[in-house]
Amino acid sequence: MNEDSGEPAVRKFYDSLTAHEPAGVELHCEPDRRLPVAPNEFVVLGHYRGDGWRAPFAHVLTTKDGKILSLRQITDTRCWPDLMAAS
Protein backbone atom coordinates (compact mmCIF):
# COMPACT_ATOMS: atom_id res chain seq x y z
CA MET A 1 0.00 0.00 0.00
CA ASN A 2 1.29 3.42 -0.94
CA GLU A 3 0.87 5.81 2.02
CA ASP A 4 0.53 8.70 -0.48
CA SER A 5 -2.40 6.98 -2.18
CA GLY A 6 -4.96 8.19 0.34
CA GLU A 7 -5.87 4.65 1.37
CA PRO A 8 -4.95 5.25 5.05
CA ALA A 9 -7.27 8.29 5.15
CA VAL A 10 -10.12 6.28 3.66
CA ARG A 11 -9.60 3.44 6.14
CA LYS A 12 -9.43 5.88 9.08
CA PHE A 13 -12.62 7.64 7.92
CA TYR A 14 -14.68 4.43 7.95
CA ASP A 15 -13.11 3.24 11.21
CA SER A 16 -14.15 6.52 12.88
CA LEU A 17 -17.80 6.42 11.76
CA THR A 18 -18.88 3.97 14.43
CA ALA A 19 -17.74 6.42 17.09
CA HIS A 20 -20.19 9.04 15.77
CA GLU A 21 -23.49 7.16 15.60
CA PRO A 22 -26.52 9.28 16.55
CA ALA A 23 -27.77 8.71 20.10
CA GLY A 24 -30.88 6.56 20.27
CA VAL A 25 -30.68 5.50 16.61
CA GLU A 26 -29.17 2.26 15.40
CA LEU A 27 -27.19 3.26 12.31
CA HIS A 28 -24.11 1.47 11.04
CA CYS A 29 -22.04 2.27 7.95
CA GLU A 30 -20.36 -0.89 6.69
CA PRO A 31 -17.97 -0.68 3.74
CA ASP A 32 -17.69 -3.95 1.82
CA ARG A 33 -15.19 -3.04 -0.94
CA ARG A 34 -12.69 -0.23 -1.46
CA LEU A 35 -11.75 0.30 -5.08
CA PRO A 36 -8.94 2.71 -5.99
CA VAL A 37 -9.87 4.42 -9.27
CA ALA A 38 -7.11 7.05 -9.38
CA PRO A 39 -4.10 7.85 -7.18
CA ASN A 40 -6.26 9.88 -4.76
CA GLU A 41 -9.78 8.72 -5.59
CA PHE A 42 -11.67 5.70 -4.28
CA VAL A 43 -15.09 4.14 -4.75
CA VAL A 44 -16.34 2.40 -1.63
CA LEU A 45 -19.28 0.02 -1.92
CA GLY A 46 -21.15 -1.03 1.18
CA HIS A 47 -24.35 -0.69 3.10
CA TYR A 48 -25.97 1.15 5.94
CA ARG A 49 -27.93 -0.96 8.38
CA GLY A 50 -30.05 -0.53 11.44
CA ASP A 51 -32.79 -2.26 13.35
CA GLY A 52 -34.51 -4.31 10.65
CA TRP A 53 -33.34 -2.33 7.62
CA ARG A 54 -30.45 -2.20 5.19
CA ALA A 55 -29.58 0.27 2.41
CA PRO A 56 -26.77 -0.09 -0.15
CA PHE A 57 -24.40 2.79 -0.86
CA ALA A 58 -21.58 3.85 -3.13
CA HIS A 59 -19.22 6.54 -1.89
CA VAL A 60 -16.74 8.35 -4.11
CA LEU A 61 -13.94 9.77 -1.96
CA THR A 62 -11.18 12.14 -3.02
CA THR A 63 -8.13 12.53 -0.79
CA LYS A 64 -5.39 15.13 -0.58
CA ASP A 65 -2.39 15.29 1.76
CA GLY A 66 -3.63 12.23 3.67
CA LYS A 67 -7.10 13.65 4.37
CA ILE A 68 -10.58 13.25 2.88
CA LEU A 69 -11.15 16.20 0.54
CA SER A 70 -14.62 15.24 -0.69
CA LEU A 71 -17.22 12.51 -0.41
CA ARG A 72 -20.06 11.96 -2.86
CA GLN A 73 -22.75 9.57 -1.70
CA ILE A 74 -25.21 7.49 -3.67
CA THR A 75 -27.71 5.48 -1.61
CA ASP A 76 -31.18 4.01 -2.01
CA THR A 77 -33.16 6.30 0.30
CA ARG A 78 -36.32 4.22 -0.08
CA CYS A 79 -34.61 1.61 2.08
CA TRP A 80 -34.08 4.08 4.91
CA PRO A 81 -36.62 4.19 7.75
CA ASP A 82 -37.81 7.53 9.08
CA LEU A 83 -34.78 8.05 11.33
CA MET A 84 -35.95 11.48 12.48
CA ALA A 85 -39.07 9.88 13.99
CA ALA A 86 -36.88 7.36 15.82
CA SER A 87 -34.77 9.99 17.58
PDB file of N, CA and C in Angstrom:
ATOM      1  N   MET A   1       0.855  -1.189   0.000  1.00  0.00           N
ATOM      2  CA  MET A   1       0.000   0.000   0.000  1.00  0.00           C
ATOM      3  C   MET A   1       0.891   1.239   0.000  1.00  0.00           C
ATOM      4  N   ASN A   2       0.575   2.154  -0.847  1.00  0.00           N
ATOM      5  CA  ASN A   2       1.294   3.420  -0.937  1.00  0.00           C
ATOM      6  C   ASN A   2       0.652   4.409   0.032  1.00  0.00           C
ATOM      7  N   GLU A   3       1.416   4.881   1.014  1.00  0.00           N
ATOM      8  CA  GLU A   3       0.868   5.810   2.016  1.00  0.00           C
ATOM      9  C   GLU A   3       0.394   7.115   1.379  1.00  0.00           C
ATOM     10  N   ASP A   4       0.952   7.485   0.207  1.00  0.00           N
ATOM     11  CA  ASP A   4       0.533   8.704  -0.477  1.00  0.00           C
ATOM     12  C   ASP A   4      -0.742   8.507  -1.280  1.00  0.00           C
ATOM     13  N   SER A   5      -1.236   7.278  -1.351  1.00  0.00           N
ATOM     14  CA  SER A   5      -2.401   6.978  -2.181  1.00  0.00           C
ATOM     15  C   SER A   5      -3.703   7.486  -1.588  1.00  0.00           C
ATOM     16  N   GLY A   6      -3.722   7.786  -0.319  1.00  0.00           N
ATOM     17  CA  GLY A   6      -4.955   8.194   0.343  1.00  0.00           C
ATOM     18  C   GLY A   6      -5.667   7.043   1.020  1.00  0.00           C
ATOM     19  N   GLU A   7      -5.225   5.816   0.771  1.00  0.00           N
ATOM     20  CA  GLU A   7      -5.874   4.648   1.372  1.00  0.00           C
ATOM     21  C   GLU A   7      -5.917   4.716   2.899  1.00  0.00           C
ATOM     22  N   PRO A   8      -4.847   5.144   3.589  1.00  0.00           N
ATOM     23  CA  PRO A   8      -4.946   5.253   5.052  1.00  0.00           C
ATOM     24  C   PRO A   8      -6.037   6.225   5.506  1.00  0.00           C
ATOM     25  N   ALA A   9      -6.223   7.322   4.791  1.00  0.00           N
ATOM     26  CA  ALA A   9      -7.266   8.295   5.147  1.00  0.00           C
ATOM     27  C   ALA A   9      -8.646   7.689   4.971  1.00  0.00           C
ATOM     28  N   VAL A  10      -8.831   6.924   3.908  1.00  0.00           N
ATOM     29  CA  VAL A  10     -10.124   6.282   3.660  1.00  0.00           C
ATOM     30  C   VAL A  10     -10.410   5.257   4.760  1.00  0.00           C
ATOM     31  N   ARG A  11      -9.433   4.451   5.087  1.00  0.00           N
ATOM     32  CA  ARG A  11      -9.601   3.445   6.139  1.00  0.00           C
ATOM     33  C   ARG A  11      -9.932   4.110   7.474  1.00  0.00           C
ATOM     34  N   LYS A  12      -9.205   5.169   7.821  1.00  0.00           N
ATOM     35  CA  LYS A  12      -9.429   5.884   9.083  1.00  0.00           C
ATOM     36  C   LYS A  12     -10.829   6.498   9.126  1.00  0.00           C
ATOM     37  N   PHE A  13     -11.285   7.049   7.996  1.00  0.00           N
ATOM     38  CA  PHE A  13     -12.620   7.643   7.919  1.00  0.00           C
ATOM     39  C   PHE A  13     -13.691   6.618   8.286  1.00  0.00           C
ATOM     40  N   TYR A  14     -13.652   5.442   7.673  1.00  0.00           N
ATOM     41  CA  TYR A  14     -14.678   4.429   7.955  1.00  0.00           C
ATOM     42  C   TYR A  14     -14.530   3.849   9.354  1.00  0.00           C
ATOM     43  N   ASP A  15     -13.310   3.724   9.843  1.00  0.00           N
ATOM     44  CA  ASP A  15     -13.112   3.241  11.215  1.00  0.00           C
ATOM     45  C   ASP A  15     -13.696   4.220  12.232  1.00  0.00           C
ATOM     46  N   SER A  16     -13.669   5.514  11.926  1.00  0.00           N
ATOM     47  CA  SER A  16     -14.148   6.523  12.880  1.00  0.00           C
ATOM     48  C   SER A  16     -15.664   6.681  12.874  1.00  0.00           C
ATOM     49  N   LEU A  17     -16.352   6.198  11.854  1.00  0.00           N
ATOM     50  CA  LEU A  17     -17.801   6.417  11.763  1.00  0.00           C
ATOM     51  C   LEU A  17     -18.562   5.761  12.904  1.00  0.00           C
ATOM     52  N   THR A  18     -18.135   4.629  13.360  1.00  0.00           N
ATOM     53  CA  THR A  18     -18.878   3.965  14.430  1.00  0.00           C
ATOM     54  C   THR A  18     -18.835   4.770  15.724  1.00  0.00           C
ATOM     55  N   ALA A  19     -17.839   5.599  15.889  1.00  0.00           N
ATOM     56  CA  ALA A  19     -17.745   6.423  17.093  1.00  0.00           C
ATOM     57  C   ALA A  19     -18.692   7.616  17.056  1.00  0.00           C
ATOM     58  N   HIS A  20     -19.331   7.866  15.921  1.00  0.00           N
ATOM     59  CA  HIS A  20     -20.191   9.041  15.769  1.00  0.00           C
ATOM     60  C   HIS A  20     -21.628   8.679  15.404  1.00  0.00           C
ATOM     61  N   GLU A  21     -22.113   7.546  15.878  1.00  0.00           N
ATOM     62  CA  GLU A  21     -23.493   7.159  15.601  1.00  0.00           C
ATOM     63  C   GLU A  21     -24.439   8.032  16.421  1.00  0.00           C
ATOM     64  N   PRO A  22     -25.568   8.437  15.821  1.00  0.00           N
ATOM     65  CA  PRO A  22     -26.522   9.281  16.548  1.00  0.00           C
ATOM     66  C   PRO A  22     -27.070   8.562  17.780  1.00  0.00           C
ATOM     67  N   ALA A  23     -27.229   9.280  18.872  1.00  0.00           N
ATOM     68  CA  ALA A  23     -27.766   8.706  20.105  1.00  0.00           C
ATOM     69  C   ALA A  23     -29.201   8.250  19.886  1.00  0.00           C
ATOM     70  N   GLY A  24     -29.518   7.068  20.343  1.00  0.00           N
ATOM     71  CA  GLY A  24     -30.877   6.559  20.270  1.00  0.00           C
ATOM     72  C   GLY A  24     -31.272   6.001  18.919  1.00  0.00           C
ATOM     73  N   VAL A  25     -30.371   5.999  17.942  1.00  0.00           N
ATOM     74  CA  VAL A  25     -30.683   5.497  16.609  1.00  0.00           C
ATOM     75  C   VAL A  25     -29.640   4.455  16.242  1.00  0.00           C
ATOM     76  N   GLU A  26     -30.113   3.269  15.853  1.00  0.00           N
ATOM     77  CA  GLU A  26     -29.168   2.257  15.403  1.00  0.00           C
ATOM     78  C   GLU A  26     -28.851   2.523  13.931  1.00  0.00           C
ATOM     79  N   LEU A  27     -27.628   2.926  13.666  1.00  0.00           N
ATOM     80  CA  LEU A  27     -27.194   3.260  12.309  1.00  0.00           C
ATOM     81  C   LEU A  27     -25.734   2.863  12.164  1.00  0.00           C
ATOM     82  N   HIS A  28     -25.468   1.946  11.275  1.00  0.00           N
ATOM     83  CA  HIS A  28     -24.109   1.473  11.038  1.00  0.00           C
ATOM     84  C   HIS A  28     -23.757   1.658   9.567  1.00  0.00           C
ATOM     85  N   CYS A  29     -22.558   2.117   9.306  1.00  0.00           N
ATOM     86  CA  CYS A  29     -22.036   2.268   7.952  1.00  0.00           C
ATOM     87  C   CYS A  29     -20.985   1.185   7.767  1.00  0.00           C
ATOM     88  N   GLU A  30     -21.241   0.253   6.853  1.00  0.00           N
ATOM     89  CA  GLU A  30     -20.357  -0.888   6.693  1.00  0.00           C
ATOM     90  C   GLU A  30     -19.821  -0.974   5.265  1.00  0.00           C
ATOM     91  N   PRO A  31     -18.574  -0.573   5.071  1.00  0.00           N
ATOM     92  CA  PRO A  31     -17.971  -0.685   3.742  1.00  0.00           C
ATOM     93  C   PRO A  31     -17.655  -2.153   3.441  1.00  0.00           C
ATOM     94  N   ASP A  32     -17.962  -2.580   2.228  1.00  0.00           N
ATOM     95  CA  ASP A  32     -17.693  -3.953   1.817  1.00  0.00           C
ATOM     96  C   ASP A  32     -16.473  -4.036   0.897  1.00  0.00           C
ATOM     97  N   ARG A  33     -16.317  -3.046   0.006  1.00  0.00           N
ATOM     98  CA  ARG A  33     -15.193  -3.038  -0.937  1.00  0.00           C
ATOM     99  C   ARG A  33     -14.670  -1.630  -1.118  1.00  0.00           C
ATOM    100  N   ARG A  34     -13.348  -1.508  -1.160  1.00  0.00           N
ATOM    101  CA  ARG A  34     -12.685  -0.230  -1.459  1.00  0.00           C
ATOM    102  C   ARG A  34     -11.971  -0.408  -2.780  1.00  0.00           C
ATOM    103  N   LEU A  35     -12.317   0.421  -3.747  1.00  0.00           N
ATOM    104  CA  LEU A  35     -11.749   0.301  -5.085  1.00  0.00           C
ATOM    105  C   LEU A  35     -10.997   1.573  -5.444  1.00  0.00           C
ATOM    106  N   PRO A  36      -9.670   1.520  -5.546  1.00  0.00           N
ATOM    107  CA  PRO A  36      -8.939   2.711  -5.995  1.00  0.00           C
ATOM    108  C   PRO A  36      -9.195   2.920  -7.486  1.00  0.00           C
ATOM    109  N   VAL A  37      -9.598   4.131  -7.860  1.00  0.00           N
ATOM    110  CA  VAL A  37      -9.871   4.420  -9.270  1.00  0.00           C
ATOM    111  C   VAL A  37      -8.901   5.444  -9.851  1.00  0.00           C
ATOM    112  N   ALA A  38      -8.149   6.086  -8.983  1.00  0.00           N
ATOM    113  CA  ALA A  38      -7.112   7.047  -9.380  1.00  0.00           C
ATOM    114  C   ALA A  38      -6.183   7.154  -8.170  1.00  0.00           C
ATOM    115  N   PRO A  39      -5.028   7.788  -8.319  1.00  0.00           N
ATOM    116  CA  PRO A  39      -4.098   7.848  -7.180  1.00  0.00           C
ATOM    117  C   PRO A  39      -4.722   8.374  -5.885  1.00  0.00           C
ATOM    118  N   ASN A  40      -5.636   9.311  -5.961  1.00  0.00           N
ATOM    119  CA  ASN A  40      -6.259   9.882  -4.763  1.00  0.00           C
ATOM    120  C   ASN A  40      -7.781   9.849  -4.832  1.00  0.00           C
ATOM    121  N   GLU A  41      -8.320   8.840  -5.504  1.00  0.00           N
ATOM    122  CA  GLU A  41      -9.779   8.716  -5.590  1.00  0.00           C
ATOM    123  C   GLU A  41     -10.164   7.252  -5.413  1.00  0.00           C
ATOM    124  N   PHE A  42     -11.229   7.041  -4.620  1.00  0.00           N
ATOM    125  CA  PHE A  42     -11.672   5.699  -4.280  1.00  0.00           C
ATOM    126  C   PHE A  42     -13.185   5.612  -4.409  1.00  0.00           C
ATOM    127  N   VAL A  43     -13.664   4.452  -4.821  1.00  0.00           N
ATOM    128  CA  VAL A  43     -15.089   4.137  -4.754  1.00  0.00           C
ATOM    129  C   VAL A  43     -15.220   3.082  -3.664  1.00  0.00           C
ATOM    130  N   VAL A  44     -16.103   3.338  -2.728  1.00  0.00           N
ATOM    131  CA  VAL A  44     -16.339   2.398  -1.634  1.00  0.00           C
ATOM    132  C   VAL A  44     -17.784   1.929  -1.753  1.00  0.00           C
ATOM    133  N   LEU A  45     -17.957   0.624  -1.860  1.00  0.00           N
ATOM    134  CA  LEU A  45     -19.283   0.016  -1.923  1.00  0.00           C
ATOM    135  C   LEU A  45     -19.574  -0.615  -0.577  1.00  0.00           C
ATOM    136  N   GLY A  46     -20.792  -0.455  -0.110  1.00  0.00           N
ATOM    137  CA  GLY A  46     -21.151  -1.025   1.179  1.00  0.00           C
ATOM    138  C   GLY A  46     -22.624  -0.858   1.448  1.00  0.00           C
ATOM    139  N   HIS A  47     -22.955  -0.839   2.715  1.00  0.00           N
ATOM    140  CA  HIS A  47     -24.355  -0.688   3.101  1.00  0.00           C
ATOM    141  C   HIS A  47     -24.451  -0.018   4.467  1.00  0.00           C
ATOM    142  N   TYR A  48     -25.563   0.663   4.628  1.00  0.00           N
ATOM    143  CA  TYR A  48     -25.966   1.154   5.937  1.00  0.00           C
ATOM    144  C   TYR A  48     -26.937   0.112   6.479  1.00  0.00           C
ATOM    145  N   ARG A  49     -26.946  -0.050   7.790  1.00  0.00           N
ATOM    146  CA  ARG A  49     -27.931  -0.959   8.381  1.00  0.00           C
ATOM    147  C   ARG A  49     -28.336  -0.451   9.751  1.00  0.00           C
ATOM    148  N   GLY A  50     -29.517  -0.877  10.136  1.00  0.00           N
ATOM    149  CA  GLY A  50     -30.045  -0.527  11.443  1.00  0.00           C
ATOM    150  C   GLY A  50     -30.962  -1.624  11.911  1.00  0.00           C
ATOM    151  N   ASP A  51     -31.865  -1.284  12.785  1.00  0.00           N
ATOM    152  CA  ASP A  51     -32.788  -2.263  13.353  1.00  0.00           C
ATOM    153  C   ASP A  51     -33.819  -2.680  12.308  1.00  0.00           C
ATOM    154  N   GLY A  52     -33.556  -3.772  11.618  1.00  0.00           N
ATOM    155  CA  GLY A  52     -34.510  -4.308  10.650  1.00  0.00           C
ATOM    156  C   GLY A  52     -34.461  -3.686   9.267  1.00  0.00           C
ATOM    157  N   TRP A  53     -33.441  -2.925   8.947  1.00  0.00           N
ATOM    158  CA  TRP A  53     -33.340  -2.327   7.618  1.00  0.00           C
ATOM    159  C   TRP A  53     -31.901  -2.335   7.136  1.00  0.00           C
ATOM    160  N   ARG A  54     -31.757  -2.199   5.831  1.00  0.00           N
ATOM    161  CA  ARG A  54     -30.446  -2.203   5.185  1.00  0.00           C
ATOM    162  C   ARG A  54     -30.560  -1.407   3.895  1.00  0.00           C
ATOM    163  N   ALA A  55     -29.574  -0.561   3.625  1.00  0.00           N
ATOM    164  CA  ALA A  55     -29.581   0.269   2.409  1.00  0.00           C
ATOM    165  C   ALA A  55     -28.181   0.261   1.787  1.00  0.00           C
ATOM    166  N   PRO A  56     -28.077  -0.097   0.511  1.00  0.00           N
ATOM    167  CA  PRO A  56     -26.768  -0.095  -0.145  1.00  0.00           C
ATOM    168  C   PRO A  56     -26.290   1.331  -0.398  1.00  0.00           C
ATOM    169  N   PHE A  57     -24.954   1.489  -0.492  1.00  0.00           N
ATOM    170  CA  PHE A  57     -24.398   2.786  -0.856  1.00  0.00           C
ATOM    171  C   PHE A  57     -23.175   2.612  -1.736  1.00  0.00           C
ATOM    172  N   ALA A  58     -22.863   3.676  -2.451  1.00  0.00           N
ATOM    173  CA  ALA A  58     -21.581   3.848  -3.134  1.00  0.00           C
ATOM    174  C   ALA A  58     -21.080   5.224  -2.734  1.00  0.00           C
ATOM    175  N   HIS A  59     -19.861   5.278  -2.254  1.00  0.00           N
ATOM    176  CA  HIS A  59     -19.220   6.545  -1.892  1.00  0.00           C
ATOM    177  C   HIS A  59     -18.045   6.762  -2.836  1.00  0.00           C
ATOM    178  N   VAL A  60     -17.907   7.967  -3.323  1.00  0.00           N
ATOM    179  CA  VAL A  60     -16.735   8.352  -4.110  1.00  0.00           C
ATOM    180  C   VAL A  60     -15.966   9.347  -3.256  1.00  0.00           C
ATOM    181  N   LEU A  61     -14.762   8.945  -2.846  1.00  0.00           N
ATOM    182  CA  LEU A  61     -13.944   9.774  -1.963  1.00  0.00           C
ATOM    183  C   LEU A  61     -12.714  10.266  -2.699  1.00  0.00           C
ATOM    184  N   THR A  62     -12.404  11.538  -2.502  1.00  0.00           N
ATOM    185  CA  THR A  62     -11.179  12.135  -3.023  1.00  0.00           C
ATOM    186  C   THR A  62     -10.332  12.527  -1.818  1.00  0.00           C
ATOM    187  N   THR A  63      -9.033  12.210  -1.886  1.00  0.00           N
ATOM    188  CA  THR A  63      -8.131  12.534  -0.787  1.00  0.00           C
ATOM    189  C   THR A  63      -7.055  13.505  -1.257  1.00  0.00           C
ATOM    190  N   LYS A  64      -6.505  14.220  -0.304  1.00  0.00           N
ATOM    191  CA  LYS A  64      -5.385  15.127  -0.579  1.00  0.00           C
ATOM    192  C   LYS A  64      -4.588  15.275   0.707  1.00  0.00           C
ATOM    193  N   ASP A  65      -3.289  15.139   0.605  1.00  0.00           N
ATOM    194  CA  ASP A  65      -2.394  15.287   1.760  1.00  0.00           C
ATOM    195  C   ASP A  65      -2.820  14.396   2.928  1.00  0.00           C
ATOM    196  N   GLY A  66      -3.276  13.179   2.620  1.00  0.00           N
ATOM    197  CA  GLY A  66      -3.628  12.227   3.665  1.00  0.00           C
ATOM    198  C   GLY A  66      -4.955  12.472   4.353  1.00  0.00           C
ATOM    199  N   LYS A  67      -5.792  13.344   3.774  1.00  0.00           N
ATOM    200  CA  LYS A  67      -7.102  13.653   4.367  1.00  0.00           C
ATOM    201  C   LYS A  67      -8.201  13.511   3.312  1.00  0.00           C
ATOM    202  N   ILE A  68      -9.426  13.309   3.780  1.00  0.00           N
ATOM    203  CA  ILE A  68     -10.576  13.253   2.878  1.00  0.00           C
ATOM    204  C   ILE A  68     -10.882  14.671   2.414  1.00  0.00           C
ATOM    205  N   LEU A  69     -10.856  14.896   1.121  1.00  0.00           N
ATOM    206  CA  LEU A  69     -11.149  16.204   0.543  1.00  0.00           C
ATOM    207  C   LEU A  69     -12.628  16.316   0.187  1.00  0.00           C
ATOM    208  N   SER A  70     -13.197  15.226  -0.346  1.00  0.00           N
ATOM    209  CA  SER A  70     -14.620  15.243  -0.688  1.00  0.00           C
ATOM    210  C   SER A  70     -15.184  13.830  -0.632  1.00  0.00           C
ATOM    211  N   LEU A  71     -16.487  13.771  -0.408  1.00  0.00           N
ATOM    212  CA  LEU A  71     -17.221  12.512  -0.412  1.00  0.00           C
ATOM    213  C   LEU A  71     -18.536  12.743  -1.134  1.00  0.00           C
ATOM    214  N   ARG A  72     -18.767  11.959  -2.167  1.00  0.00           N
ATOM    215  CA  ARG A  72     -20.058  11.963  -2.856  1.00  0.00           C
ATOM    216  C   ARG A  72     -20.752  10.654  -2.521  1.00  0.00           C
ATOM    217  N   GLN A  73     -22.025  10.740  -2.158  1.00  0.00           N
ATOM    218  CA  GLN A  73     -22.754   9.566  -1.700  1.00  0.00           C
ATOM    219  C   GLN A  73     -23.917   9.257  -2.629  1.00  0.00           C
ATOM    220  N   ILE A  74     -24.050   7.986  -2.940  1.00  0.00           N
ATOM    221  CA  ILE A  74     -25.207   7.487  -3.672  1.00  0.00           C
ATOM    222  C   ILE A  74     -25.791   6.380  -2.799  1.00  0.00           C
ATOM    223  N   THR A  75     -27.063   6.504  -2.430  1.00  0.00           N
ATOM    224  CA  THR A  75     -27.714   5.480  -1.615  1.00  0.00           C
ATOM    225  C   THR A  75     -29.183   5.375  -2.003  1.00  0.00           C
ATOM    226  N   ASP A  76     -29.769   4.244  -1.730  1.00  0.00           N
ATOM    227  CA  ASP A  76     -31.183   4.013  -2.012  1.00  0.00           C
ATOM    228  C   ASP A  76     -31.993   4.482  -0.805  1.00  0.00           C
ATOM    229  N   THR A  77     -32.477   5.722  -0.853  1.00  0.00           N
ATOM    230  CA  THR A  77     -33.160   6.300   0.303  1.00  0.00           C
ATOM    231  C   THR A  77     -34.505   5.645   0.591  1.00  0.00           C
ATOM    232  N   ARG A  78     -35.072   4.925  -0.361  1.00  0.00           N
ATOM    233  CA  ARG A  78     -36.321   4.224  -0.082  1.00  0.00           C
ATOM    234  C   ARG A  78     -36.126   3.124   0.964  1.00  0.00           C
ATOM    235  N   CYS A  79     -34.906   2.648   1.089  1.00  0.00           N
ATOM    236  CA  CYS A  79     -34.608   1.606   2.076  1.00  0.00           C
ATOM    237  C   CYS A  79     -34.479   2.159   3.484  1.00  0.00           C
ATOM    238  N   TRP A  80     -34.308   3.471   3.602  1.00  0.00           N
ATOM    239  CA  TRP A  80     -34.079   4.084   4.912  1.00  0.00           C
ATOM    240  C   TRP A  80     -35.395   4.249   5.661  1.00  0.00           C
ATOM    241  N   PRO A  81     -35.426   3.907   6.936  1.00  0.00           N
ATOM    242  CA  PRO A  81     -36.623   4.192   7.748  1.00  0.00           C
ATOM    243  C   PRO A  81     -36.650   5.683   8.063  1.00  0.00           C
ATOM    244  N   ASP A  82     -37.719   6.121   8.669  1.00  0.00           N
ATOM    245  CA  ASP A  82     -37.809   7.528   9.084  1.00  0.00           C
ATOM    246  C   ASP A  82     -36.977   7.696  10.358  1.00  0.00           C
ATOM    247  N   LEU A  83     -35.694   7.973  10.189  1.00  0.00           N
ATOM    248  CA  LEU A  83     -34.784   8.050  11.333  1.00  0.00           C
ATOM    249  C   LEU A  83     -35.077   9.244  12.225  1.00  0.00           C
ATOM    250  N   MET A  84     -35.618  10.311  11.662  1.00  0.00           N
ATOM    251  CA  MET A  84     -35.946  11.478  12.484  1.00  0.00           C
ATOM    252  C   MET A  84     -37.046  11.115  13.483  1.00  0.00           C
ATOM    253  N   ALA A  85     -37.994  10.288  13.088  1.00  0.00           N
ATOM    254  CA  ALA A  85     -39.071   9.876  13.993  1.00  0.00           C
ATOM    255  C   ALA A  85     -38.538   8.986  15.101  1.00  0.00           C
ATOM    256  N   ALA A  86     -37.437   8.289  14.831  1.00  0.00           N
ATOM    257  CA  ALA A  86     -36.876   7.360  15.816  1.00  0.00           C
ATOM    258  C   ALA A  86     -36.067   8.088  16.882  1.00  0.00           C
ATOM    259  N   SER A  87     -35.634   9.319  16.602  1.00  0.00           N
ATOM    260  CA  SER A  87     -34.773   9.993  17.583  1.00  0.00           C
ATOM    261  C   SER A  87     -35.567  10.871  18.514  1.00  0.00           C
TER     262      SER A  87
END
